[in-house]
N, C-alpha and C. Protein backbone atom coordinates (compact mmCIF):
# COMPACT_ATOMS: atom_id res chain seq x y z
N PHE A 1 -230.34 29.75 -188.97
CA PHE A 1 -231.41 30.64 -188.53
C PHE A 1 -231.59 30.59 -187.01
N ALA A 2 -231.39 29.41 -186.43
CA ALA A 2 -231.58 29.26 -184.98
C ALA A 2 -230.66 30.18 -184.18
N GLU A 3 -229.44 30.40 -184.69
CA GLU A 3 -228.48 31.24 -183.99
C GLU A 3 -228.61 32.70 -184.36
N LEU A 4 -229.46 33.02 -185.35
CA LEU A 4 -229.58 34.40 -185.82
C LEU A 4 -230.95 35.00 -185.52
N HIS A 5 -231.66 34.42 -184.55
CA HIS A 5 -232.89 35.06 -184.10
C HIS A 5 -233.10 34.75 -182.62
N ALA A 6 -233.82 35.63 -181.95
CA ALA A 6 -234.16 35.44 -180.54
C ALA A 6 -235.62 35.83 -180.36
N VAL A 7 -236.36 35.02 -179.62
CA VAL A 7 -237.77 35.31 -179.37
C VAL A 7 -237.91 35.91 -177.97
N VAL A 8 -238.77 36.93 -177.90
CA VAL A 8 -238.96 37.65 -176.63
C VAL A 8 -240.45 37.73 -176.33
N PRO A 9 -240.97 36.87 -175.45
CA PRO A 9 -242.39 36.95 -175.10
C PRO A 9 -242.66 38.10 -174.14
N GLY A 10 -243.92 38.56 -174.16
CA GLY A 10 -244.33 39.59 -173.22
C GLY A 10 -244.23 41.00 -173.75
N LEU A 11 -243.85 41.16 -175.03
CA LEU A 11 -243.78 42.48 -175.65
C LEU A 11 -244.65 42.49 -176.90
N PRO A 12 -245.13 43.67 -177.31
CA PRO A 12 -245.92 43.74 -178.55
C PRO A 12 -245.08 43.39 -179.77
N VAL A 13 -245.75 42.90 -180.80
CA VAL A 13 -245.07 42.52 -182.04
C VAL A 13 -244.31 43.71 -182.63
N ALA A 14 -244.84 44.91 -182.44
CA ALA A 14 -244.20 46.12 -182.99
C ALA A 14 -242.82 46.38 -182.39
N SER A 15 -242.51 45.74 -181.28
CA SER A 15 -241.19 45.92 -180.67
C SER A 15 -240.11 45.08 -181.35
N SER A 16 -240.49 44.22 -182.28
CA SER A 16 -239.52 43.40 -183.00
C SER A 16 -238.56 44.30 -183.78
N ARG A 17 -237.34 43.85 -183.94
CA ARG A 17 -236.34 44.67 -184.63
C ARG A 17 -235.21 43.80 -185.16
N VAL A 18 -234.37 44.41 -185.98
CA VAL A 18 -233.19 43.75 -186.52
C VAL A 18 -231.95 44.43 -185.94
N LEU A 19 -231.05 43.65 -185.37
CA LEU A 19 -229.83 44.19 -184.79
C LEU A 19 -228.62 43.74 -185.61
N PRO A 20 -227.69 44.62 -185.89
CA PRO A 20 -226.45 44.19 -186.55
C PRO A 20 -225.64 43.30 -185.62
N GLY A 21 -224.90 42.36 -186.19
CA GLY A 21 -224.11 41.45 -185.38
C GLY A 21 -224.92 40.25 -184.93
N ILE A 22 -224.45 39.58 -183.88
CA ILE A 22 -225.15 38.40 -183.37
C ILE A 22 -225.45 38.59 -181.88
N VAL A 23 -226.49 37.90 -181.43
CA VAL A 23 -226.87 37.94 -180.01
C VAL A 23 -226.63 36.55 -179.43
N LEU A 24 -225.76 36.47 -178.44
CA LEU A 24 -225.47 35.21 -177.77
C LEU A 24 -226.38 35.09 -176.55
N ARG A 25 -227.09 33.98 -176.44
CA ARG A 25 -228.05 33.81 -175.35
C ARG A 25 -227.35 33.35 -174.08
N ARG A 26 -226.37 34.13 -173.69
CA ARG A 26 -225.63 33.91 -172.45
C ARG A 26 -225.34 35.27 -171.83
N ASP A 27 -225.13 35.30 -170.54
CA ASP A 27 -224.71 36.52 -169.88
C ASP A 27 -223.18 36.50 -169.74
N PHE A 28 -222.57 37.66 -169.56
CA PHE A 28 -221.14 37.72 -169.29
C PHE A 28 -220.84 37.05 -167.95
N SER A 29 -219.79 36.25 -167.92
CA SER A 29 -219.28 35.76 -166.63
C SER A 29 -218.55 36.89 -165.92
N THR A 30 -217.88 37.71 -166.70
CA THR A 30 -217.33 38.97 -166.22
C THR A 30 -217.30 39.94 -167.39
N TYR A 31 -217.67 41.19 -167.14
CA TYR A 31 -217.76 42.18 -168.21
C TYR A 31 -216.86 43.36 -167.90
N CYS A 32 -215.95 43.64 -168.83
CA CYS A 32 -215.04 44.79 -168.72
C CYS A 32 -215.26 45.67 -169.95
N PRO A 33 -215.97 46.78 -169.82
CA PRO A 33 -216.26 47.64 -170.97
C PRO A 33 -214.98 48.06 -171.69
N ALA A 34 -215.06 48.08 -173.03
CA ALA A 34 -213.91 48.48 -173.85
C ALA A 34 -214.42 49.35 -174.99
N ASP A 35 -213.73 50.44 -175.26
CA ASP A 35 -214.12 51.36 -176.33
C ASP A 35 -213.49 50.93 -177.65
N GLY A 36 -214.23 51.18 -178.74
CA GLY A 36 -213.70 50.93 -180.07
C GLY A 36 -213.59 49.45 -180.39
N GLU A 37 -212.84 49.14 -181.46
CA GLU A 37 -212.67 47.75 -181.87
C GLU A 37 -211.91 46.97 -180.79
N LEU A 38 -212.25 45.70 -180.68
CA LEU A 38 -211.57 44.86 -179.71
C LEU A 38 -211.26 43.50 -180.33
N ARG A 39 -210.26 42.85 -179.78
CA ARG A 39 -209.86 41.53 -180.24
C ARG A 39 -210.52 40.47 -179.37
N ALA A 40 -211.07 39.44 -180.03
CA ALA A 40 -211.76 38.37 -179.32
C ALA A 40 -211.07 37.04 -179.59
N LEU A 41 -211.09 36.17 -178.58
CA LEU A 41 -210.44 34.88 -178.66
C LEU A 41 -211.49 33.78 -178.46
N LEU A 42 -211.45 32.76 -179.31
CA LEU A 42 -212.34 31.61 -179.15
C LEU A 42 -211.57 30.50 -178.45
N VAL A 43 -212.17 29.89 -177.44
CA VAL A 43 -211.54 28.75 -176.75
C VAL A 43 -212.58 27.66 -176.55
N THR A 44 -212.11 26.42 -176.59
CA THR A 44 -213.00 25.27 -176.43
C THR A 44 -212.58 24.39 -175.25
N GLU A 45 -211.65 24.87 -174.45
CA GLU A 45 -211.16 24.08 -173.32
C GLU A 45 -210.93 25.00 -172.13
N PRO A 46 -210.84 24.45 -170.93
CA PRO A 46 -210.59 25.28 -169.75
C PRO A 46 -209.24 25.99 -169.87
N LEU A 47 -209.20 27.26 -169.49
CA LEU A 47 -207.97 28.03 -169.52
C LEU A 47 -207.12 27.78 -168.27
N ARG A 48 -207.70 27.26 -167.23
CA ARG A 48 -206.93 26.88 -166.04
C ARG A 48 -206.09 25.65 -166.39
N PRO A 49 -204.78 25.71 -166.24
CA PRO A 49 -203.94 24.59 -166.65
C PRO A 49 -204.14 23.36 -165.78
N ALA A 50 -203.98 22.20 -166.39
CA ALA A 50 -204.03 20.94 -165.65
C ALA A 50 -202.64 20.61 -165.12
N LEU A 51 -202.61 19.87 -164.03
CA LEU A 51 -201.33 19.50 -163.44
C LEU A 51 -200.62 18.41 -164.25
N THR A 52 -201.40 17.58 -164.93
CA THR A 52 -200.81 16.49 -165.71
C THR A 52 -201.51 16.38 -167.05
N ALA A 53 -200.90 15.63 -167.94
CA ALA A 53 -201.51 15.34 -169.22
C ALA A 53 -202.62 14.30 -169.03
N PRO A 54 -203.58 14.22 -169.96
CA PRO A 54 -204.65 13.22 -169.84
C PRO A 54 -204.08 11.79 -169.76
N GLY A 55 -204.62 11.02 -168.82
CA GLY A 55 -204.17 9.65 -168.67
C GLY A 55 -202.95 9.47 -167.78
N VAL A 56 -202.40 10.59 -167.28
CA VAL A 56 -201.22 10.53 -166.42
C VAL A 56 -201.65 10.76 -164.97
N GLU A 57 -201.26 9.86 -164.08
CA GLU A 57 -201.63 9.98 -162.67
C GLU A 57 -200.72 10.97 -161.96
N PHE A 58 -201.33 11.83 -161.15
CA PHE A 58 -200.57 12.82 -160.37
C PHE A 58 -200.73 12.48 -158.90
N VAL A 59 -199.62 12.20 -158.22
CA VAL A 59 -199.64 11.77 -156.83
C VAL A 59 -199.14 12.91 -155.94
N VAL A 60 -199.93 13.26 -154.93
CA VAL A 60 -199.56 14.30 -153.97
C VAL A 60 -199.24 13.61 -152.64
N ASP A 61 -198.03 13.85 -152.13
CA ASP A 61 -197.58 13.17 -150.92
C ASP A 61 -197.85 13.94 -149.64
N SER A 62 -198.13 15.24 -149.76
CA SER A 62 -198.30 16.04 -148.54
C SER A 62 -199.21 17.23 -148.83
N GLU A 63 -199.70 17.85 -147.76
CA GLU A 63 -200.52 19.05 -147.88
C GLU A 63 -199.71 20.19 -148.48
N GLY A 64 -198.44 20.27 -148.10
CA GLY A 64 -197.58 21.31 -148.64
C GLY A 64 -197.40 21.18 -150.14
N GLN A 65 -197.25 19.94 -150.61
CA GLN A 65 -197.12 19.71 -152.05
C GLN A 65 -198.41 20.08 -152.79
N TYR A 66 -199.54 19.78 -152.15
CA TYR A 66 -200.83 20.11 -152.75
C TYR A 66 -200.99 21.62 -152.86
N GLN A 67 -200.64 22.35 -151.80
CA GLN A 67 -200.76 23.80 -151.82
C GLN A 67 -199.80 24.41 -152.84
N ALA A 68 -198.62 23.84 -152.97
CA ALA A 68 -197.66 24.31 -153.97
C ALA A 68 -198.20 24.10 -155.39
N SER A 69 -198.92 23.00 -155.59
CA SER A 69 -199.53 22.73 -156.90
C SER A 69 -200.60 23.76 -157.23
N LEU A 70 -201.41 24.10 -156.22
CA LEU A 70 -202.45 25.12 -156.42
C LEU A 70 -201.84 26.48 -156.73
N ARG A 71 -200.74 26.81 -156.05
CA ARG A 71 -200.07 28.08 -156.32
C ARG A 71 -199.50 28.12 -157.74
N TRP A 72 -198.99 26.97 -158.19
CA TRP A 72 -198.47 26.88 -159.56
C TRP A 72 -199.58 27.12 -160.58
N ILE A 73 -200.74 26.50 -160.35
CA ILE A 73 -201.88 26.67 -161.25
C ILE A 73 -202.31 28.13 -161.28
N THR A 74 -202.41 28.73 -160.11
CA THR A 74 -202.83 30.14 -160.02
C THR A 74 -201.85 31.04 -160.76
N LYS A 75 -200.57 30.80 -160.56
CA LYS A 75 -199.55 31.62 -161.21
C LYS A 75 -199.60 31.48 -162.73
N LYS A 76 -199.79 30.25 -163.21
CA LYS A 76 -199.87 30.02 -164.66
C LYS A 76 -201.12 30.67 -165.25
N THR A 77 -202.22 30.61 -164.51
CA THR A 77 -203.46 31.22 -164.99
C THR A 77 -203.31 32.74 -165.07
N GLU A 78 -202.72 33.34 -164.04
CA GLU A 78 -202.51 34.78 -164.07
C GLU A 78 -201.58 35.17 -165.23
N ALA A 79 -200.54 34.38 -165.47
CA ALA A 79 -199.61 34.67 -166.55
C ALA A 79 -200.32 34.64 -167.90
N LEU A 80 -201.25 33.69 -168.07
CA LEU A 80 -201.99 33.60 -169.33
C LEU A 80 -202.88 34.81 -169.53
N MET A 81 -203.62 35.22 -168.49
CA MET A 81 -204.51 36.36 -168.64
C MET A 81 -203.72 37.65 -168.87
N LYS A 82 -202.56 37.75 -168.23
CA LYS A 82 -201.70 38.90 -168.47
C LYS A 82 -201.18 38.88 -169.91
N HIS A 83 -200.92 37.69 -170.43
CA HIS A 83 -200.47 37.53 -171.81
C HIS A 83 -201.58 37.94 -172.79
N LEU A 84 -202.82 37.59 -172.47
CA LEU A 84 -203.95 38.02 -173.31
C LEU A 84 -204.04 39.54 -173.32
N GLN A 85 -203.90 40.15 -172.14
CA GLN A 85 -203.96 41.60 -172.05
C GLN A 85 -202.86 42.26 -172.89
N SER A 86 -201.66 41.71 -172.84
CA SER A 86 -200.54 42.29 -173.59
C SER A 86 -200.72 42.14 -175.09
N ASN A 87 -201.57 41.19 -175.49
CA ASN A 87 -201.88 41.00 -176.92
C ASN A 87 -203.18 41.70 -177.31
N ASN A 88 -203.66 42.58 -176.44
CA ASN A 88 -204.86 43.39 -176.69
C ASN A 88 -206.13 42.56 -176.85
N VAL A 89 -206.15 41.38 -176.25
CA VAL A 89 -207.37 40.57 -176.25
C VAL A 89 -208.30 41.10 -175.16
N LYS A 90 -209.51 41.48 -175.55
CA LYS A 90 -210.47 42.06 -174.60
C LYS A 90 -211.68 41.17 -174.35
N LEU A 91 -211.79 40.08 -175.13
CA LEU A 91 -212.98 39.24 -175.02
C LEU A 91 -212.60 37.78 -175.25
N VAL A 92 -213.05 36.90 -174.35
CA VAL A 92 -212.88 35.46 -174.51
C VAL A 92 -214.26 34.83 -174.64
N LEU A 93 -214.45 34.09 -175.73
CA LEU A 93 -215.70 33.38 -175.97
C LEU A 93 -215.40 31.89 -175.85
N SER A 94 -216.01 31.25 -174.88
CA SER A 94 -215.64 29.88 -174.54
C SER A 94 -216.83 28.93 -174.60
N SER A 95 -216.61 27.77 -175.18
CA SER A 95 -217.65 26.73 -175.14
C SER A 95 -217.53 25.92 -173.85
N ALA A 96 -216.41 26.05 -173.15
CA ALA A 96 -216.18 25.32 -171.91
C ALA A 96 -216.50 26.21 -170.71
N LYS A 97 -216.88 25.56 -169.61
CA LYS A 97 -217.05 26.27 -168.34
C LYS A 97 -215.67 26.58 -167.78
N GLN A 98 -215.43 27.83 -167.40
CA GLN A 98 -214.13 28.23 -166.90
C GLN A 98 -214.10 28.25 -165.37
N ASP A 99 -212.93 28.01 -164.82
CA ASP A 99 -212.75 27.98 -163.38
C ASP A 99 -212.85 29.39 -162.79
N GLU A 100 -213.18 29.47 -161.52
CA GLU A 100 -213.31 30.77 -160.85
C GLU A 100 -212.02 31.58 -160.90
N VAL A 101 -210.87 30.90 -160.86
CA VAL A 101 -209.60 31.63 -160.89
C VAL A 101 -209.39 32.30 -162.25
N VAL A 102 -209.91 31.70 -163.31
CA VAL A 102 -209.84 32.30 -164.65
C VAL A 102 -210.68 33.57 -164.69
N ILE A 103 -211.90 33.49 -164.16
CA ILE A 103 -212.79 34.65 -164.15
C ILE A 103 -212.19 35.78 -163.30
N TYR A 104 -211.58 35.41 -162.18
CA TYR A 104 -210.97 36.41 -161.29
C TYR A 104 -209.88 37.19 -162.02
N TYR A 105 -208.95 36.48 -162.66
CA TYR A 105 -207.84 37.16 -163.32
C TYR A 105 -208.27 37.82 -164.63
N ALA A 106 -209.31 37.31 -165.26
CA ALA A 106 -209.84 37.98 -166.44
C ALA A 106 -210.35 39.37 -166.06
N LYS A 107 -211.11 39.43 -164.97
CA LYS A 107 -211.62 40.72 -164.51
C LYS A 107 -210.49 41.64 -164.09
N LEU A 108 -209.46 41.07 -163.45
CA LEU A 108 -208.33 41.86 -162.99
C LEU A 108 -207.57 42.50 -164.15
N TYR A 109 -207.48 41.77 -165.28
CA TYR A 109 -206.71 42.27 -166.43
C TYR A 109 -207.59 42.81 -167.56
N GLY A 110 -208.87 43.08 -167.26
CA GLY A 110 -209.72 43.76 -168.22
C GLY A 110 -210.17 42.94 -169.40
N VAL A 111 -210.39 41.64 -169.18
CA VAL A 111 -210.83 40.75 -170.26
C VAL A 111 -212.25 40.26 -169.95
N SER A 112 -213.19 40.54 -170.83
CA SER A 112 -214.55 40.04 -170.66
C SER A 112 -214.61 38.56 -171.04
N VAL A 113 -215.46 37.80 -170.37
CA VAL A 113 -215.57 36.36 -170.63
C VAL A 113 -217.02 35.97 -170.79
N VAL A 114 -217.30 35.21 -171.85
CA VAL A 114 -218.61 34.58 -172.04
C VAL A 114 -218.34 33.09 -172.16
N GLU A 115 -218.98 32.28 -171.34
CA GLU A 115 -218.68 30.84 -171.33
C GLU A 115 -219.92 30.01 -171.61
N CYS A 116 -219.69 28.71 -171.82
CA CYS A 116 -220.75 27.72 -172.05
C CYS A 116 -221.54 28.00 -173.34
N LEU A 117 -220.87 28.54 -174.36
CA LEU A 117 -221.51 28.74 -175.66
C LEU A 117 -221.71 27.39 -176.33
N SER A 118 -222.76 27.28 -177.13
CA SER A 118 -223.04 26.02 -177.82
C SER A 118 -222.07 25.82 -178.98
N SER A 119 -221.97 24.58 -179.43
CA SER A 119 -221.10 24.28 -180.57
C SER A 119 -221.60 25.00 -181.82
N GLU A 120 -222.92 25.18 -181.93
CA GLU A 120 -223.48 25.89 -183.09
C GLU A 120 -223.09 27.37 -183.06
N GLU A 121 -223.13 27.98 -181.89
CA GLU A 121 -222.72 29.39 -181.76
C GLU A 121 -221.24 29.55 -182.09
N MET A 122 -220.41 28.63 -181.58
CA MET A 122 -218.98 28.70 -181.85
C MET A 122 -218.69 28.51 -183.34
N ALA A 123 -219.42 27.59 -183.97
CA ALA A 123 -219.22 27.35 -185.40
C ALA A 123 -219.62 28.57 -186.22
N LEU A 124 -220.71 29.24 -185.83
CA LEU A 124 -221.16 30.44 -186.53
C LEU A 124 -220.11 31.55 -186.40
N ILE A 125 -219.58 31.75 -185.20
CA ILE A 125 -218.56 32.78 -185.00
C ILE A 125 -217.32 32.46 -185.83
N GLY A 126 -216.95 31.19 -185.87
CA GLY A 126 -215.80 30.79 -186.67
C GLY A 126 -216.02 31.04 -188.15
N GLU A 127 -217.25 30.79 -188.63
CA GLU A 127 -217.56 31.02 -190.04
C GLU A 127 -217.52 32.52 -190.37
N ILE A 128 -218.04 33.34 -189.48
CA ILE A 128 -218.07 34.79 -189.72
C ILE A 128 -216.66 35.37 -189.72
N THR A 129 -215.85 34.94 -188.75
CA THR A 129 -214.55 35.58 -188.53
C THR A 129 -213.38 34.87 -189.20
N GLY A 130 -213.59 33.59 -189.54
CA GLY A 130 -212.49 32.82 -190.11
C GLY A 130 -211.43 32.43 -189.09
N VAL A 131 -211.78 32.48 -187.81
CA VAL A 131 -210.83 32.23 -186.72
C VAL A 131 -211.08 30.85 -186.11
N SER A 132 -210.00 30.15 -185.80
CA SER A 132 -210.08 28.85 -185.12
C SER A 132 -209.84 29.03 -183.63
N PRO A 133 -210.31 28.09 -182.82
CA PRO A 133 -210.09 28.19 -181.37
C PRO A 133 -208.61 28.21 -181.01
N TYR A 134 -208.32 28.89 -179.92
CA TYR A 134 -206.96 29.08 -179.44
C TYR A 134 -206.61 27.99 -178.42
N ALA A 135 -205.42 27.40 -178.57
CA ALA A 135 -204.94 26.40 -177.62
C ALA A 135 -203.84 27.05 -176.77
N PRO A 136 -204.13 27.43 -175.53
CA PRO A 136 -203.20 28.25 -174.76
C PRO A 136 -201.99 27.53 -174.18
N PHE A 137 -202.11 26.26 -173.84
CA PHE A 137 -201.03 25.61 -173.11
C PHE A 137 -200.27 24.63 -173.99
N GLY A 138 -199.71 25.17 -175.07
CA GLY A 138 -198.83 24.38 -175.91
C GLY A 138 -197.39 24.50 -175.43
N ASP A 139 -196.48 24.21 -176.31
CA ASP A 139 -195.07 24.27 -175.94
C ASP A 139 -194.60 25.71 -175.74
N ASN A 140 -195.23 26.65 -176.45
CA ASN A 140 -194.79 28.04 -176.38
C ASN A 140 -195.97 28.91 -175.96
N VAL A 141 -196.15 29.05 -174.67
CA VAL A 141 -197.29 29.79 -174.13
C VAL A 141 -197.17 31.29 -174.44
N ASP A 142 -195.95 31.79 -174.51
CA ASP A 142 -195.73 33.23 -174.64
C ASP A 142 -195.69 33.71 -176.09
N ARG A 143 -196.03 32.85 -177.03
CA ARG A 143 -196.00 33.29 -178.43
C ARG A 143 -197.07 34.35 -178.68
N GLU A 144 -196.87 35.12 -179.74
CA GLU A 144 -197.86 36.14 -180.10
C GLU A 144 -199.17 35.48 -180.48
N ILE A 145 -200.26 36.03 -180.01
CA ILE A 145 -201.58 35.48 -180.31
C ILE A 145 -202.09 36.08 -181.61
N THR A 146 -202.21 35.25 -182.63
CA THR A 146 -202.64 35.74 -183.94
C THR A 146 -204.06 35.30 -184.30
N GLU A 147 -204.57 34.25 -183.66
CA GLU A 147 -205.89 33.72 -184.00
C GLU A 147 -207.00 34.45 -183.25
N THR A 148 -207.11 35.75 -183.52
CA THR A 148 -208.14 36.55 -182.86
C THR A 148 -209.11 37.12 -183.88
N ALA A 149 -210.34 37.27 -183.46
CA ALA A 149 -211.37 37.91 -184.27
C ALA A 149 -211.47 39.38 -183.88
N VAL A 150 -211.94 40.20 -184.80
CA VAL A 150 -212.12 41.62 -184.54
C VAL A 150 -213.61 41.91 -184.38
N ALA A 151 -213.96 42.60 -183.33
CA ALA A 151 -215.35 42.99 -183.09
C ALA A 151 -215.44 44.50 -182.97
N ALA A 152 -216.42 45.09 -183.64
CA ALA A 152 -216.63 46.54 -183.57
C ALA A 152 -217.20 46.93 -182.21
N PHE A 153 -217.94 46.02 -181.58
CA PHE A 153 -218.50 46.29 -180.25
C PHE A 153 -218.83 44.98 -179.56
N CYS A 154 -218.94 45.04 -178.26
CA CYS A 154 -219.39 43.91 -177.45
C CYS A 154 -220.02 44.49 -176.20
N ARG A 155 -221.31 44.25 -176.00
CA ARG A 155 -222.00 44.90 -174.89
C ARG A 155 -223.14 44.02 -174.38
N PRO A 156 -223.57 44.26 -173.14
CA PRO A 156 -224.73 43.52 -172.61
C PRO A 156 -226.00 43.94 -173.33
N LEU A 157 -226.92 43.00 -173.44
CA LEU A 157 -228.23 43.27 -174.04
C LEU A 157 -229.29 42.62 -173.16
N LEU A 158 -230.26 43.41 -172.74
CA LEU A 158 -231.33 42.90 -171.89
C LEU A 158 -232.59 42.73 -172.72
N LEU A 159 -233.05 41.49 -172.86
CA LEU A 159 -234.29 41.19 -173.57
C LEU A 159 -235.33 40.81 -172.52
N VAL A 160 -236.09 41.82 -172.09
CA VAL A 160 -237.02 41.71 -170.96
C VAL A 160 -236.22 41.31 -169.72
N SER A 161 -236.27 40.04 -169.29
CA SER A 161 -235.53 39.63 -168.10
C SER A 161 -234.32 38.78 -168.45
N LYS A 162 -234.08 38.54 -169.73
CA LYS A 162 -232.99 37.68 -170.17
C LYS A 162 -231.76 38.51 -170.51
N ARG A 163 -230.66 38.25 -169.82
CA ARG A 163 -229.40 38.95 -170.10
C ARG A 163 -228.65 38.21 -171.20
N CYS A 164 -228.28 38.95 -172.25
CA CYS A 164 -227.58 38.38 -173.39
C CYS A 164 -226.32 39.20 -173.69
N VAL A 165 -225.56 38.71 -174.67
CA VAL A 165 -224.35 39.40 -175.12
C VAL A 165 -224.53 39.75 -176.60
N HIS A 166 -224.35 41.02 -176.92
CA HIS A 166 -224.51 41.50 -178.30
C HIS A 166 -223.12 41.84 -178.85
N VAL A 167 -222.71 41.13 -179.91
CA VAL A 167 -221.37 41.29 -180.47
C VAL A 167 -221.47 41.61 -181.95
N GLY A 168 -220.70 42.60 -182.39
CA GLY A 168 -220.65 42.96 -183.80
C GLY A 168 -219.30 42.59 -184.38
N PHE A 169 -219.20 41.40 -184.96
CA PHE A 169 -217.93 40.94 -185.52
C PHE A 169 -217.69 41.56 -186.90
N THR A 170 -216.41 41.76 -187.20
CA THR A 170 -216.00 42.15 -188.55
C THR A 170 -215.91 40.88 -189.38
N SER A 171 -216.78 40.76 -190.38
CA SER A 171 -216.85 39.53 -191.17
C SER A 171 -215.73 39.48 -192.20
N VAL A 172 -215.20 38.27 -192.42
CA VAL A 172 -214.16 38.09 -193.43
C VAL A 172 -214.74 37.61 -194.76
N CYS A 173 -216.06 37.51 -194.82
CA CYS A 173 -216.72 37.05 -196.05
C CYS A 173 -217.85 38.02 -196.39
N ALA A 174 -218.58 37.70 -197.45
CA ALA A 174 -219.66 38.58 -197.89
C ALA A 174 -220.82 38.59 -196.90
N PHE A 175 -220.93 37.55 -196.10
CA PHE A 175 -222.01 37.43 -195.13
C PHE A 175 -221.84 38.43 -193.99
N GLN A 176 -222.77 39.35 -193.85
CA GLN A 176 -222.77 40.32 -192.76
C GLN A 176 -223.91 39.97 -191.80
N PRO A 177 -223.61 39.34 -190.67
CA PRO A 177 -224.67 38.81 -189.80
C PRO A 177 -225.51 39.90 -189.15
N HIS A 178 -226.80 39.64 -189.10
CA HIS A 178 -227.76 40.44 -188.35
C HIS A 178 -228.66 39.48 -187.58
N CYS A 179 -229.18 39.94 -186.47
CA CYS A 179 -230.01 39.08 -185.63
C CYS A 179 -231.43 39.65 -185.55
N LEU A 180 -232.41 38.77 -185.72
CA LEU A 180 -233.81 39.15 -185.59
C LEU A 180 -234.25 39.02 -184.13
N ILE A 181 -234.81 40.09 -183.59
CA ILE A 181 -235.42 40.04 -182.27
C ILE A 181 -236.93 40.01 -182.49
N LEU A 182 -237.53 38.84 -182.28
CA LEU A 182 -238.96 38.65 -182.56
C LEU A 182 -239.75 38.74 -181.26
N CYS A 183 -240.60 39.76 -181.18
CA CYS A 183 -241.39 39.99 -179.98
C CYS A 183 -242.85 39.60 -180.22
N GLY A 184 -243.50 39.19 -179.17
CA GLY A 184 -244.90 38.82 -179.23
C GLY A 184 -245.45 38.61 -177.84
N PRO A 185 -246.77 38.52 -177.71
CA PRO A 185 -247.36 38.42 -176.37
C PRO A 185 -247.02 37.11 -175.65
N VAL A 186 -246.95 36.00 -176.42
CA VAL A 186 -246.68 34.69 -175.81
C VAL A 186 -245.72 33.91 -176.70
N ASP A 187 -245.15 32.85 -176.14
CA ASP A 187 -244.18 32.03 -176.87
C ASP A 187 -244.76 31.45 -178.16
N GLY A 188 -246.03 31.02 -178.11
CA GLY A 188 -246.64 30.39 -179.27
C GLY A 188 -246.67 31.32 -180.48
N VAL A 189 -247.02 32.58 -180.26
CA VAL A 189 -247.05 33.55 -181.36
C VAL A 189 -245.64 33.78 -181.91
N ASN A 190 -244.68 33.90 -181.02
CA ASN A 190 -243.30 34.10 -181.46
C ASN A 190 -242.79 32.93 -182.28
N GLU A 191 -243.11 31.72 -181.85
CA GLU A 191 -242.67 30.53 -182.58
C GLU A 191 -243.31 30.48 -183.96
N GLN A 192 -244.57 30.89 -184.08
CA GLN A 192 -245.23 30.94 -185.39
C GLN A 192 -244.55 31.95 -186.31
N HIS A 193 -244.22 33.12 -185.76
CA HIS A 193 -243.53 34.15 -186.56
C HIS A 193 -242.15 33.66 -187.00
N ALA A 194 -241.45 33.01 -186.08
CA ALA A 194 -240.11 32.51 -186.40
C ALA A 194 -240.18 31.45 -187.49
N ALA A 195 -241.14 30.54 -187.39
CA ALA A 195 -241.28 29.49 -188.40
C ALA A 195 -241.64 30.08 -189.75
N ALA A 196 -242.53 31.09 -189.78
CA ALA A 196 -242.91 31.73 -191.04
C ALA A 196 -241.73 32.44 -191.68
N LEU A 197 -240.94 33.13 -190.87
CA LEU A 197 -239.77 33.83 -191.40
C LEU A 197 -238.73 32.85 -191.92
N GLN A 198 -238.53 31.75 -191.21
CA GLN A 198 -237.56 30.77 -191.68
C GLN A 198 -237.99 30.17 -193.01
N GLU A 199 -239.28 29.89 -193.15
CA GLU A 199 -239.78 29.37 -194.42
C GLU A 199 -239.61 30.40 -195.54
N ALA A 200 -239.83 31.69 -195.22
CA ALA A 200 -239.66 32.74 -196.23
C ALA A 200 -238.20 32.83 -196.68
N PHE A 201 -237.27 32.75 -195.72
CA PHE A 201 -235.85 32.79 -196.08
C PHE A 201 -235.46 31.58 -196.91
N THR A 202 -236.01 30.42 -196.56
CA THR A 202 -235.72 29.21 -197.33
C THR A 202 -236.22 29.35 -198.76
N MET A 203 -237.41 29.93 -198.91
CA MET A 203 -237.95 30.14 -200.25
C MET A 203 -237.08 31.10 -201.05
N LEU A 204 -236.60 32.18 -200.40
CA LEU A 204 -235.74 33.13 -201.09
C LEU A 204 -234.41 32.48 -201.48
N GLN A 205 -233.89 31.62 -200.61
CA GLN A 205 -232.66 30.91 -200.94
C GLN A 205 -232.85 30.06 -202.20
N GLN A 206 -233.95 29.36 -202.26
CA GLN A 206 -234.22 28.51 -203.42
C GLN A 206 -234.42 29.35 -204.67
N LEU A 207 -235.07 30.50 -204.52
CA LEU A 207 -235.31 31.39 -205.67
C LEU A 207 -234.00 31.89 -206.24
N PHE A 208 -233.12 32.42 -205.36
CA PHE A 208 -231.86 32.96 -205.84
C PHE A 208 -230.94 31.85 -206.35
N LYS A 209 -231.05 30.66 -205.79
CA LYS A 209 -230.25 29.53 -206.28
C LYS A 209 -230.65 29.20 -207.70
N THR A 210 -231.96 29.24 -207.96
CA THR A 210 -232.46 28.96 -209.31
C THR A 210 -232.00 30.04 -210.30
N VAL A 211 -232.05 31.30 -209.87
CA VAL A 211 -231.62 32.40 -210.73
C VAL A 211 -230.13 32.28 -211.07
N ASP A 212 -229.32 31.94 -210.06
CA ASP A 212 -227.88 31.79 -210.29
C ASP A 212 -227.59 30.70 -211.31
N GLN A 213 -228.34 29.63 -211.26
CA GLN A 213 -228.11 28.53 -212.19
C GLN A 213 -228.57 28.90 -213.61
C-alpha cells in the first residue's frame, strides 16, 4: 500500500483520484518523451563501467594514463547507451545513483532515466512486470536485451510542487496496479485517510480470503 498511494497536502479532499499504473516519488534525471508503448530496463548498479573488478587495485602512473582511462570509460558508457537505443529501450529505472556521463548519453540517445528508486519500488515493479534487473557489463555486452518491461506510457506528474514519474506498466499477472492520490488540507488529514483506506483494504483481503477458503 505504501508504494500504491501518494498524499498531497494543500488541496481539497475532492481533488483525490485514482490513477492507472504507479506513481514513483522521484523526478526524471533526464526525460525524453516517447509515443506509444516503450521498453523499460531495471538496473541496480551504476551503468558507468568501473576500471577494475572489486578488490583489485588500479595503479595510474601518469596524467596521460589517467586521461586515457577516463576516455575509455566515456566510450564504454556511450556504447552501452547506444546499445540500449538499438534495443528500443526508452526508459531506465535505477535504484543506484548514476554518473553524469550516463545521464548525458542517455539524453543524447533518447533514453529517459529515473534514479535512486527504493528497494520497495523496484520490488513492486519486478512483481508487476516479472522482469529482473539488467547486468550490463558481463562478458557479452552486445547481446540482445531481453529483460525489459513494457509500459503503455511514462510521463511527468506534478503533485502541487512535487515532481513525480507516472508509469503504466503492462502487468504479467492478474494484478493491475492503480495508485491512489489522496488530497487534503494538511498532512495529518491525509495520513488519517490513508490509514483508514489501508485498514479497509486489509479487511477486504481478510473477507475474500475467508470466502475463498
